[in-house]
Amino acid sequence: MNGVYYSMYMEINGIAHIQLTVNDLERAMPFYEEVLAFMGMQAVVKNPEFLYMIGGRAAVAITRCSPENRDAVFDQRRIGLHHICFRARSRDDIDSLYEFLRTRPVKIVRPPTEGSWAPGYYSLLFEDPEGIRLEVNFVPGKGHLENPQQLPLNRLPE
């Protein structure tokens, strides 16, 4: 598209699902089932090899990696997934999730913090048992889209 704007276009309606591949499914499934349920998602498929949860106009699937990849560890700088960020409805939701996670053996990378990524940005960053980073953020209003005449930015906010 290279800066070309079309008079006819489509507008997506969110992300339908994200599928994560993990090594230790027995450890990852309870983590995701509990954390995603706290975030309002419900398990719609659950068996020893697969978990699929839906809520908030999104879904997350958890599956086991292939046998030939069992020795690999997650590296967010490798090609592929860097992290996932869920959108919360309020700052209070971020704080509630933080309090929930603090009572569990979860690695908190960054507690609730205001950031410069967008006006009013507030987020929490933590890891699943495989080291995959999960973020939950809140941005009031339309965020960057509040002033579309200023877009695109020439760099990420600091």
N, C-alpha and C. Protein backbone atom coordinates (compact mmCIF):
# COMPACT_ATOMS: atom_id res chain seq x y z
N MET A 1 0.81 -1.19 0.00
CA MET A 1 0.00 0.00 0.00
C MET A 1 0.86 1.26 0.00
N ASN A 2 2.02 1.24 0.65
CA ASN A 2 3.00 2.31 0.57
C ASN A 2 2.43 3.72 0.61
N GLY A 3 1.60 4.02 1.59
CA GLY A 3 1.07 5.36 1.74
C GLY A 3 -0.07 5.71 0.80
N VAL A 4 -0.49 4.77 -0.02
CA VAL A 4 -1.61 5.00 -0.93
C VAL A 4 -2.90 4.73 -0.18
N TYR A 5 -3.84 5.64 -0.26
CA TYR A 5 -5.12 5.47 0.41
C TYR A 5 -6.20 5.24 -0.63
N TYR A 6 -7.05 4.29 -0.39
CA TYR A 6 -8.09 3.91 -1.32
C TYR A 6 -9.44 4.41 -0.84
N SER A 7 -10.28 4.78 -1.78
CA SER A 7 -11.62 5.23 -1.40
C SER A 7 -12.49 4.05 -0.98
N MET A 8 -12.22 2.88 -1.50
CA MET A 8 -12.92 1.66 -1.11
C MET A 8 -11.94 0.79 -0.33
N TYR A 9 -12.34 0.34 0.80
CA TYR A 9 -11.49 -0.52 1.61
C TYR A 9 -12.36 -1.33 2.54
N MET A 10 -11.76 -2.28 3.18
CA MET A 10 -12.47 -3.03 4.22
C MET A 10 -11.91 -2.63 5.57
N GLU A 11 -12.67 -2.85 6.61
CA GLU A 11 -12.19 -2.59 7.97
C GLU A 11 -12.35 -3.87 8.76
N ILE A 12 -11.23 -4.37 9.30
CA ILE A 12 -11.31 -5.59 10.08
C ILE A 12 -12.08 -5.35 11.36
N ASN A 13 -12.55 -6.42 11.96
CA ASN A 13 -13.35 -6.35 13.18
C ASN A 13 -12.62 -7.02 14.33
N GLY A 14 -11.33 -6.78 14.44
CA GLY A 14 -10.55 -7.37 15.51
C GLY A 14 -9.73 -8.55 15.03
N ILE A 15 -9.13 -9.25 15.94
CA ILE A 15 -8.38 -10.47 15.66
C ILE A 15 -9.23 -11.64 16.10
N ALA A 16 -9.53 -12.56 15.20
CA ALA A 16 -10.41 -13.69 15.51
C ALA A 16 -9.77 -14.63 16.53
N HIS A 17 -8.52 -15.01 16.29
CA HIS A 17 -7.85 -15.88 17.25
C HIS A 17 -6.34 -15.80 17.09
N ILE A 18 -5.68 -16.19 18.15
CA ILE A 18 -4.23 -16.33 18.17
C ILE A 18 -3.96 -17.75 18.64
N GLN A 19 -3.09 -18.46 17.97
CA GLN A 19 -2.75 -19.81 18.39
C GLN A 19 -1.29 -19.82 18.82
N LEU A 20 -1.07 -20.23 20.07
CA LEU A 20 0.27 -20.31 20.62
C LEU A 20 0.69 -21.77 20.72
N THR A 21 1.93 -22.02 20.37
CA THR A 21 2.49 -23.36 20.45
C THR A 21 3.46 -23.38 21.62
N VAL A 22 3.27 -24.33 22.52
CA VAL A 22 4.09 -24.41 23.72
C VAL A 22 4.77 -25.78 23.79
N ASN A 23 5.80 -25.87 24.60
CA ASN A 23 6.51 -27.12 24.79
C ASN A 23 5.84 -27.96 25.87
N ASP A 24 5.62 -27.37 27.04
CA ASP A 24 5.06 -28.09 28.17
C ASP A 24 3.56 -27.78 28.28
N LEU A 25 2.77 -28.49 27.53
CA LEU A 25 1.33 -28.24 27.48
C LEU A 25 0.66 -28.49 28.82
N GLU A 26 1.15 -29.46 29.57
CA GLU A 26 0.55 -29.78 30.88
C GLU A 26 0.71 -28.62 31.86
N ARG A 27 1.75 -27.85 31.70
CA ARG A 27 1.98 -26.69 32.56
C ARG A 27 1.30 -25.44 31.99
N ALA A 28 1.30 -25.30 30.68
CA ALA A 28 0.75 -24.10 30.05
C ALA A 28 -0.78 -24.06 30.08
N MET A 29 -1.43 -25.22 29.89
CA MET A 29 -2.89 -25.21 29.83
C MET A 29 -3.55 -24.68 31.10
N PRO A 30 -3.15 -25.15 32.29
CA PRO A 30 -3.78 -24.59 33.50
C PRO A 30 -3.51 -23.09 33.65
N PHE A 31 -2.31 -22.66 33.29
CA PHE A 31 -1.98 -21.24 33.36
C PHE A 31 -2.94 -20.43 32.49
N TYR A 32 -3.04 -20.81 31.21
CA TYR A 32 -3.89 -20.06 30.30
C TYR A 32 -5.36 -20.17 30.67
N GLU A 33 -5.78 -21.33 31.08
CA GLU A 33 -7.19 -21.48 31.45
C GLU A 33 -7.54 -20.55 32.62
N GLU A 34 -6.66 -20.46 33.60
CA GLU A 34 -6.94 -19.62 34.76
C GLU A 34 -6.82 -18.13 34.43
N VAL A 35 -5.74 -17.74 33.77
CA VAL A 35 -5.52 -16.32 33.47
C VAL A 35 -6.55 -15.80 32.48
N LEU A 36 -6.80 -16.56 31.41
CA LEU A 36 -7.77 -16.10 30.41
C LEU A 36 -9.19 -16.09 30.98
N ALA A 37 -9.50 -17.03 31.86
CA ALA A 37 -10.82 -17.02 32.50
C ALA A 37 -10.96 -15.76 33.37
N PHE A 38 -9.90 -15.38 34.08
CA PHE A 38 -9.95 -14.15 34.87
C PHE A 38 -10.20 -12.94 33.97
N MET A 39 -9.72 -13.02 32.72
CA MET A 39 -9.89 -11.93 31.76
C MET A 39 -11.22 -12.04 31.01
N GLY A 40 -12.10 -12.94 31.45
CA GLY A 40 -13.43 -13.03 30.86
C GLY A 40 -13.57 -14.00 29.70
N MET A 41 -12.56 -14.82 29.45
CA MET A 41 -12.65 -15.78 28.35
C MET A 41 -13.15 -17.12 28.88
N GLN A 42 -13.78 -17.88 28.01
CA GLN A 42 -14.35 -19.17 28.39
C GLN A 42 -13.79 -20.27 27.50
N ALA A 43 -13.45 -21.40 28.10
CA ALA A 43 -12.98 -22.55 27.32
C ALA A 43 -14.15 -23.12 26.52
N VAL A 44 -13.96 -23.22 25.21
CA VAL A 44 -14.99 -23.82 24.36
C VAL A 44 -14.53 -25.15 23.80
N VAL A 45 -13.20 -25.37 23.77
CA VAL A 45 -12.64 -26.68 23.43
C VAL A 45 -11.50 -26.94 24.40
N LYS A 46 -11.53 -28.10 25.03
CA LYS A 46 -10.46 -28.47 25.94
C LYS A 46 -10.30 -29.98 25.88
N ASN A 47 -9.10 -30.41 25.50
CA ASN A 47 -8.75 -31.82 25.54
C ASN A 47 -7.26 -31.91 25.86
N PRO A 48 -6.70 -33.09 26.02
CA PRO A 48 -5.30 -33.19 26.43
C PRO A 48 -4.29 -32.54 25.47
N GLU A 49 -4.71 -32.24 24.23
CA GLU A 49 -3.79 -31.68 23.25
C GLU A 49 -4.12 -30.27 22.80
N PHE A 50 -5.21 -29.68 23.31
CA PHE A 50 -5.66 -28.42 22.74
C PHE A 50 -6.57 -27.67 23.71
N LEU A 51 -6.36 -26.38 23.81
CA LEU A 51 -7.23 -25.50 24.59
C LEU A 51 -7.62 -24.33 23.70
N TYR A 52 -8.92 -24.02 23.64
CA TYR A 52 -9.41 -22.91 22.83
C TYR A 52 -10.39 -22.11 23.67
N MET A 53 -10.04 -20.84 23.94
CA MET A 53 -10.86 -20.00 24.79
C MET A 53 -11.30 -18.76 24.02
N ILE A 54 -12.55 -18.35 24.25
CA ILE A 54 -13.14 -17.21 23.55
C ILE A 54 -13.66 -16.20 24.55
N GLY A 55 -13.49 -14.93 24.22
CA GLY A 55 -14.05 -13.84 25.02
C GLY A 55 -13.54 -12.51 24.52
N GLY A 56 -14.32 -11.46 24.73
CA GLY A 56 -13.89 -10.12 24.33
C GLY A 56 -13.59 -9.98 22.86
N ARG A 57 -14.38 -10.62 22.02
CA ARG A 57 -14.21 -10.59 20.56
C ARG A 57 -12.85 -11.12 20.11
N ALA A 58 -12.30 -12.08 20.84
CA ALA A 58 -11.03 -12.71 20.48
C ALA A 58 -11.03 -14.14 20.99
N ALA A 59 -10.10 -14.91 20.50
CA ALA A 59 -9.92 -16.28 20.98
C ALA A 59 -8.44 -16.59 21.06
N VAL A 60 -8.08 -17.49 21.96
CA VAL A 60 -6.70 -17.94 22.11
C VAL A 60 -6.70 -19.45 22.12
N ALA A 61 -5.84 -20.03 21.28
CA ALA A 61 -5.66 -21.48 21.24
C ALA A 61 -4.26 -21.80 21.75
N ILE A 62 -4.16 -22.90 22.49
CA ILE A 62 -2.87 -23.37 23.02
C ILE A 62 -2.69 -24.80 22.54
N THR A 63 -1.57 -25.07 21.88
CA THR A 63 -1.26 -26.41 21.39
C THR A 63 0.19 -26.76 21.70
N ARG A 64 0.49 -28.04 21.57
CA ARG A 64 1.85 -28.54 21.85
C ARG A 64 2.72 -28.42 20.59
N CYS A 65 3.99 -28.11 20.79
CA CYS A 65 4.91 -28.04 19.66
C CYS A 65 5.20 -29.44 19.14
N SER A 66 5.75 -29.48 17.94
CA SER A 66 6.09 -30.76 17.32
C SER A 66 7.27 -31.40 18.05
N PRO A 67 7.40 -32.74 17.99
CA PRO A 67 8.49 -33.43 18.69
C PRO A 67 9.88 -32.92 18.31
N GLU A 68 10.07 -32.56 17.05
CA GLU A 68 11.40 -32.10 16.63
C GLU A 68 11.76 -30.71 17.18
N ASN A 69 10.80 -30.02 17.77
CA ASN A 69 11.06 -28.70 18.34
C ASN A 69 11.04 -28.68 19.87
N ARG A 70 11.03 -29.83 20.51
CA ARG A 70 10.93 -29.90 21.97
C ARG A 70 12.11 -29.27 22.69
N ASP A 71 13.26 -29.19 22.04
CA ASP A 71 14.43 -28.60 22.70
C ASP A 71 14.48 -27.08 22.56
N ALA A 72 13.62 -26.51 21.74
CA ALA A 72 13.64 -25.06 21.51
C ALA A 72 13.00 -24.34 22.69
N VAL A 73 13.46 -23.13 22.94
CA VAL A 73 12.86 -22.28 23.96
C VAL A 73 12.36 -21.01 23.26
N PHE A 74 11.38 -20.36 23.87
CA PHE A 74 10.84 -19.16 23.28
C PHE A 74 11.87 -18.04 23.30
N ASP A 75 11.98 -17.34 22.19
CA ASP A 75 12.87 -16.19 22.06
C ASP A 75 12.10 -15.10 21.33
N GLN A 76 11.75 -14.04 22.03
CA GLN A 76 10.90 -13.03 21.42
C GLN A 76 11.61 -12.23 20.33
N ARG A 77 12.88 -12.41 20.15
CA ARG A 77 13.62 -11.73 19.08
C ARG A 77 13.82 -12.62 17.85
N ARG A 78 13.35 -13.87 17.92
CA ARG A 78 13.40 -14.75 16.77
C ARG A 78 12.23 -14.42 15.85
N ILE A 79 12.30 -14.80 14.61
CA ILE A 79 11.19 -14.59 13.67
C ILE A 79 9.94 -15.21 14.25
N GLY A 80 8.84 -14.50 14.18
CA GLY A 80 7.58 -14.99 14.70
C GLY A 80 7.03 -14.07 15.77
N LEU A 81 6.43 -14.63 16.76
CA LEU A 81 5.76 -13.86 17.81
C LEU A 81 6.75 -13.14 18.71
N HIS A 82 6.50 -11.87 18.97
CA HIS A 82 7.27 -11.10 19.95
C HIS A 82 6.54 -11.12 21.29
N HIS A 83 5.28 -10.68 21.29
CA HIS A 83 4.43 -10.77 22.47
C HIS A 83 2.99 -10.53 22.03
N ILE A 84 2.06 -10.81 22.94
CA ILE A 84 0.65 -10.57 22.69
C ILE A 84 0.21 -9.49 23.66
N CYS A 85 -0.62 -8.58 23.19
CA CYS A 85 -1.16 -7.54 24.06
C CYS A 85 -2.68 -7.54 23.95
N PHE A 86 -3.32 -7.79 25.07
CA PHE A 86 -4.78 -7.74 25.16
C PHE A 86 -5.19 -6.33 25.58
N ARG A 87 -6.33 -5.87 25.12
CA ARG A 87 -6.83 -4.54 25.47
C ARG A 87 -7.83 -4.67 26.61
N ALA A 88 -7.60 -3.93 27.68
CA ALA A 88 -8.52 -3.90 28.82
C ALA A 88 -9.51 -2.74 28.65
N ARG A 89 -10.60 -2.80 29.40
CA ARG A 89 -11.61 -1.75 29.32
C ARG A 89 -11.34 -0.58 30.28
N SER A 90 -10.43 -0.79 31.26
CA SER A 90 -10.15 0.28 32.23
C SER A 90 -8.79 0.05 32.89
N ARG A 91 -8.28 1.10 33.49
CA ARG A 91 -7.06 0.98 34.31
C ARG A 91 -7.31 0.04 35.48
N ASP A 92 -8.52 0.10 36.06
CA ASP A 92 -8.84 -0.77 37.18
C ASP A 92 -8.72 -2.24 36.80
N ASP A 93 -9.07 -2.58 35.55
CA ASP A 93 -8.91 -3.96 35.09
C ASP A 93 -7.45 -4.38 35.11
N ILE A 94 -6.57 -3.50 34.71
CA ILE A 94 -5.12 -3.79 34.73
C ILE A 94 -4.69 -4.04 36.18
N ASP A 95 -5.11 -3.17 37.08
CA ASP A 95 -4.73 -3.31 38.49
C ASP A 95 -5.30 -4.60 39.09
N SER A 96 -6.52 -4.95 38.74
CA SER A 96 -7.14 -6.19 39.25
C SER A 96 -6.38 -7.42 38.75
N LEU A 97 -6.01 -7.42 37.47
CA LEU A 97 -5.25 -8.54 36.92
C LEU A 97 -3.89 -8.65 37.62
N TYR A 98 -3.26 -7.52 37.86
CA TYR A 98 -1.97 -7.53 38.55
C TYR A 98 -2.09 -8.17 39.94
N GLU A 99 -3.10 -7.78 40.68
CA GLU A 99 -3.31 -8.36 42.01
C GLU A 99 -3.59 -9.86 41.92
N PHE A 100 -4.34 -10.28 40.92
CA PHE A 100 -4.62 -11.70 40.69
C PHE A 100 -3.32 -12.45 40.38
N LEU A 101 -2.50 -11.91 39.49
CA LEU A 101 -1.26 -12.59 39.09
C LEU A 101 -0.25 -12.65 40.23
N ARG A 102 -0.24 -11.64 41.09
CA ARG A 102 0.71 -11.62 42.22
C ARG A 102 0.49 -12.78 43.18
N THR A 103 -0.70 -13.37 43.19
CA THR A 103 -0.99 -14.48 44.10
C THR A 103 -0.65 -15.82 43.48
N ARG A 104 -0.04 -15.80 42.29
CA ARG A 104 0.30 -17.02 41.57
C ARG A 104 1.77 -17.01 41.18
N PRO A 105 2.30 -18.18 40.84
CA PRO A 105 3.72 -18.22 40.44
C PRO A 105 3.91 -17.74 38.99
N VAL A 106 3.70 -16.44 38.78
CA VAL A 106 3.80 -15.85 37.45
C VAL A 106 4.93 -14.84 37.46
N LYS A 107 5.75 -14.85 36.44
CA LYS A 107 6.82 -13.87 36.33
C LYS A 107 6.22 -12.56 35.83
N ILE A 108 6.26 -11.54 36.68
CA ILE A 108 5.81 -10.20 36.30
C ILE A 108 7.03 -9.47 35.74
N VAL A 109 6.99 -9.12 34.48
CA VAL A 109 8.10 -8.41 33.85
C VAL A 109 8.03 -6.93 34.19
N ARG A 110 6.83 -6.37 34.14
CA ARG A 110 6.63 -4.96 34.47
C ARG A 110 5.26 -4.79 35.11
N PRO A 111 5.20 -4.30 36.35
CA PRO A 111 3.91 -4.08 37.01
C PRO A 111 3.14 -2.97 36.28
N PRO A 112 1.90 -2.71 36.67
CA PRO A 112 1.14 -1.65 36.00
C PRO A 112 1.93 -0.35 35.95
N THR A 113 2.06 0.16 34.72
CA THR A 113 2.90 1.33 34.48
C THR A 113 2.27 2.19 33.40
N GLU A 114 2.39 3.50 33.57
CA GLU A 114 2.00 4.40 32.50
C GLU A 114 3.13 4.45 31.48
N GLY A 115 2.75 4.46 30.22
CA GLY A 115 3.76 4.47 29.16
C GLY A 115 3.46 5.53 28.13
N SER A 116 4.40 5.73 27.24
CA SER A 116 4.27 6.77 26.23
C SER A 116 3.84 6.23 24.87
N TRP A 117 3.48 4.97 24.79
CA TRP A 117 3.11 4.38 23.50
C TRP A 117 1.91 5.07 22.86
N ALA A 118 1.00 5.54 23.69
CA ALA A 118 -0.19 6.26 23.22
C ALA A 118 -0.66 7.14 24.37
N PRO A 119 -1.45 8.17 24.08
CA PRO A 119 -1.96 9.03 25.16
C PRO A 119 -2.76 8.20 26.18
N GLY A 120 -2.36 8.27 27.47
CA GLY A 120 -3.05 7.54 28.53
C GLY A 120 -2.71 6.07 28.64
N TYR A 121 -1.68 5.61 27.93
CA TYR A 121 -1.30 4.20 27.90
C TYR A 121 -0.96 3.70 29.31
N TYR A 122 -1.55 2.58 29.70
CA TYR A 122 -1.33 1.97 31.01
C TYR A 122 -1.30 0.48 30.80
N SER A 123 -0.25 -0.19 31.26
CA SER A 123 -0.12 -1.61 30.92
C SER A 123 0.59 -2.42 31.99
N LEU A 124 0.46 -3.72 31.83
CA LEU A 124 1.06 -4.74 32.68
C LEU A 124 1.69 -5.77 31.75
N LEU A 125 2.91 -6.21 32.06
CA LEU A 125 3.61 -7.19 31.23
C LEU A 125 4.04 -8.37 32.09
N PHE A 126 3.72 -9.59 31.65
CA PHE A 126 4.07 -10.80 32.40
C PHE A 126 4.36 -11.93 31.42
N GLU A 127 4.81 -13.08 31.94
CA GLU A 127 5.17 -14.21 31.08
C GLU A 127 4.38 -15.44 31.44
N ASP A 128 4.13 -16.26 30.42
CA ASP A 128 3.52 -17.57 30.64
C ASP A 128 4.62 -18.54 31.08
N PRO A 129 4.31 -19.79 31.40
CA PRO A 129 5.34 -20.74 31.85
C PRO A 129 6.45 -21.01 30.83
N GLU A 130 6.20 -20.72 29.55
CA GLU A 130 7.20 -20.93 28.50
C GLU A 130 8.06 -19.69 28.28
N GLY A 131 7.73 -18.59 28.94
CA GLY A 131 8.45 -17.34 28.73
C GLY A 131 7.85 -16.46 27.66
N ILE A 132 6.69 -16.84 27.12
CA ILE A 132 6.00 -16.01 26.14
C ILE A 132 5.43 -14.80 26.88
N ARG A 133 5.73 -13.62 26.38
CA ARG A 133 5.29 -12.41 27.06
C ARG A 133 3.86 -12.05 26.69
N LEU A 134 3.10 -11.70 27.73
CA LEU A 134 1.71 -11.28 27.58
C LEU A 134 1.58 -9.91 28.20
N GLU A 135 0.95 -9.02 27.48
CA GLU A 135 0.72 -7.68 27.98
C GLU A 135 -0.78 -7.44 27.98
N VAL A 136 -1.24 -6.64 28.92
CA VAL A 136 -2.61 -6.18 28.93
C VAL A 136 -2.51 -4.67 29.10
N ASN A 137 -3.18 -3.92 28.20
CA ASN A 137 -3.10 -2.48 28.28
C ASN A 137 -4.46 -1.82 28.26
N PHE A 138 -4.46 -0.57 28.65
CA PHE A 138 -5.65 0.27 28.53
C PHE A 138 -5.21 1.57 27.89
N VAL A 139 -5.95 1.99 26.87
CA VAL A 139 -5.74 3.28 26.23
C VAL A 139 -7.11 3.95 26.17
N PRO A 140 -7.25 5.12 26.79
CA PRO A 140 -8.55 5.79 26.78
C PRO A 140 -8.89 6.35 25.40
N GLY A 141 -10.17 6.48 25.15
CA GLY A 141 -10.63 7.08 23.90
C GLY A 141 -10.14 6.32 22.69
N LYS A 142 -9.70 7.06 21.69
CA LYS A 142 -9.24 6.45 20.44
C LYS A 142 -7.73 6.34 20.35
N GLY A 143 -7.02 6.70 21.42
CA GLY A 143 -5.56 6.61 21.39
C GLY A 143 -4.98 7.44 20.26
N HIS A 144 -4.08 6.85 19.49
CA HIS A 144 -3.46 7.55 18.36
C HIS A 144 -4.47 7.98 17.31
N LEU A 145 -5.58 7.28 17.22
CA LEU A 145 -6.56 7.61 16.19
C LEU A 145 -7.41 8.83 16.54
N GLU A 146 -7.19 9.38 17.73
CA GLU A 146 -7.89 10.60 18.14
C GLU A 146 -7.55 11.76 17.20
N ASN A 147 -6.31 11.77 16.71
CA ASN A 147 -5.84 12.83 15.81
C ASN A 147 -5.27 12.21 14.54
N PRO A 148 -6.12 11.68 13.68
CA PRO A 148 -5.62 10.96 12.49
C PRO A 148 -4.80 11.84 11.54
N GLN A 149 -4.98 13.15 11.60
CA GLN A 149 -4.22 14.03 10.72
C GLN A 149 -2.73 14.04 11.09
N GLN A 150 -2.38 13.53 12.28
CA GLN A 150 -0.99 13.48 12.71
C GLN A 150 -0.32 12.15 12.38
N LEU A 151 -1.04 11.26 11.72
CA LEU A 151 -0.52 9.93 11.40
C LEU A 151 -0.11 9.84 9.94
N PRO A 152 0.80 8.98 9.60
CA PRO A 152 1.54 8.10 10.50
C PRO A 152 2.66 8.83 11.22
N LEU A 153 2.99 8.34 12.41
CA LEU A 153 4.13 8.86 13.16
C LEU A 153 5.40 8.44 12.44
N ASN A 154 6.47 9.18 12.58
CA ASN A 154 7.73 8.77 11.93
C ASN A 154 8.57 7.87 12.82
N ARG A 155 8.13 7.68 14.07
CA ARG A 155 8.81 6.74 14.98
C ARG A 155 7.85 6.42 16.11
N LEU A 156 8.16 5.37 16.83
CA LEU A 156 7.36 5.00 17.99
C LEU A 156 7.57 6.00 19.10
N PRO A 157 6.55 6.28 19.89
CA PRO A 157 6.74 7.18 21.04
C PRO A 157 7.75 6.57 22.02
N GLU A 158 8.48 7.42 22.71
CA GLU A 158 9.48 6.93 23.68
C GLU A 158 8.89 6.77 25.04
